[in-house]
Amino acid sequence: MAAEIEPISQRYAEKIGVDRDDTWFLLKLQEEIGELTQAFLMRSGRARTKGRTAEELDAGFREELADVLCHVILMAHHHGVDLEAEVERKWLAWKP
């Protein structure tokens, strides 16, 4: 997935004039987690829905999950981390 989303992130950064350095990757991920939190709170009735329907709230929640996942993948790629190998080592090692 990194090979597919990396060029999209590069174009976005070029368009808005952002240097995607170590700090940017971390702060962008944090921003996306904040947006996911807001979407979750709205969807679960713990925040204003801003007039959105239940379907729109569900769609927003799914979109923010995708954003967080993509930014985790981008950050890993930037730092040369093989996420698949790390998931295998850290999580899947516990499979029965």
Protein backbone atom coordinates (compact mmCIF):
# COMPACT_ATOMS: atom_id res chain seq x y z
CA MET A 1 0.00 0.00 0.00
CA ALA A 2 2.85 2.40 0.73
CA ALA A 3 3.88 2.41 -2.93
CA GLU A 4 0.38 3.49 -3.91
CA ILE A 5 -0.27 6.13 -1.24
CA GLU A 6 3.22 7.65 -1.08
CA PRO A 7 2.93 9.50 -4.43
CA ILE A 8 -0.48 10.86 -3.41
CA SER A 9 0.97 12.23 -0.18
CA GLN A 10 3.92 13.71 -2.07
CA ARG A 11 1.61 15.51 -4.51
CA TYR A 12 -0.50 16.82 -1.62
CA ALA A 13 2.58 18.18 0.15
CA GLU A 14 3.90 19.80 -3.04
CA LYS A 15 0.53 21.39 -3.75
CA ILE A 16 0.30 23.03 -0.33
CA GLY A 17 4.04 23.65 0.06
CA VAL A 18 4.76 21.37 3.00
CA ASP A 19 8.07 19.68 3.80
CA ARG A 20 7.27 16.12 4.84
CA ASP A 21 9.97 15.74 7.48
CA ASP A 22 9.99 13.52 10.57
CA THR A 23 7.96 16.04 12.54
CA TRP A 24 5.36 16.47 9.80
CA PHE A 25 4.68 12.73 9.64
CA LEU A 26 4.11 12.55 13.39
CA LEU A 27 2.00 15.69 13.60
CA LYS A 28 -0.08 14.75 10.56
CA LEU A 29 -0.80 11.37 12.13
CA GLN A 30 -1.81 13.12 15.34
CA GLU A 31 -4.10 15.43 13.37
CA GLU A 32 -5.77 12.45 11.72
CA ILE A 33 -6.23 10.70 15.07
CA GLY A 34 -7.93 13.85 16.32
CA GLU A 35 -10.27 13.81 13.33
CA LEU A 36 -11.00 10.13 13.96
CA THR A 37 -11.78 10.94 17.58
CA GLN A 38 -14.18 13.68 16.51
CA ALA A 39 -15.88 11.38 14.00
CA PHE A 40 -16.23 8.67 16.65
CA LEU A 41 -17.69 11.09 19.19
CA MET A 42 -20.18 12.43 16.65
CA ARG A 43 -21.15 8.93 15.53
CA SER A 44 -21.61 7.71 19.12
CA GLY A 45 -23.77 10.67 20.14
CA ARG A 46 -21.11 12.23 22.37
CA ALA A 47 -20.60 15.33 20.21
CA ARG A 48 -22.63 17.60 17.95
CA THR A 49 -23.53 15.93 14.69
CA LYS A 50 -23.51 19.24 12.80
CA GLY A 51 -26.71 18.19 11.05
CA ARG A 52 -25.21 15.05 9.53
CA THR A 53 -27.31 11.94 9.06
CA ALA A 54 -26.41 8.61 10.64
CA GLU A 55 -25.17 7.43 7.25
CA GLU A 56 -22.96 10.51 6.86
CA LEU A 57 -21.57 10.00 10.36
CA ASP A 58 -20.78 6.35 9.57
CA ALA A 59 -19.10 7.36 6.30
CA GLY A 60 -17.05 10.03 8.07
CA PHE A 61 -15.92 7.53 10.69
CA ARG A 62 -14.83 5.06 8.00
CA GLU A 63 -13.00 7.80 6.09
CA GLU A 64 -11.09 8.90 9.19
CA LEU A 65 -10.09 5.30 9.95
CA ALA A 66 -8.68 5.11 6.41
CA ASP A 67 -6.81 8.40 6.91
CA VAL A 68 -5.22 7.16 10.13
CA LEU A 69 -4.20 3.86 8.52
CA CYS A 70 -2.71 5.63 5.51
CA HIS A 71 -0.73 8.02 7.69
CA VAL A 72 0.61 5.16 9.81
CA ILE A 73 1.72 3.47 6.59
CA LEU A 74 3.28 6.72 5.31
CA MET A 75 5.15 7.28 8.57
CA ALA A 76 6.45 3.71 8.57
CA HIS A 77 7.56 4.07 4.95
CA HIS A 78 9.30 7.36 5.73
CA HIS A 79 11.25 5.71 8.55
CA GLY A 80 11.99 2.49 6.66
CA VAL A 81 9.84 0.32 8.91
CA ASP A 82 8.44 -2.90 7.45
CA LEU A 83 5.02 -2.84 9.11
CA GLU A 84 4.09 -6.31 7.94
CA ALA A 85 7.22 -7.75 9.57
CA GLU A 86 6.61 -5.77 12.75
CA VAL A 87 2.99 -6.90 13.00
CA GLU A 88 4.16 -10.48 12.50
CA ARG A 89 6.80 -10.10 15.21
CA LYS A 90 4.75 -8.11 17.73
CA TRP A 91 1.17 -9.31 17.26
CA LEU A 92 1.00 -12.50 15.27
CA ALA A 93 3.62 -14.17 17.43
CA TRP A 94 0.78 -14.60 19.94
CA LYS A 95 -1.35 -16.69 17.57
CA PRO A 96 -2.12 -20.10 19.06
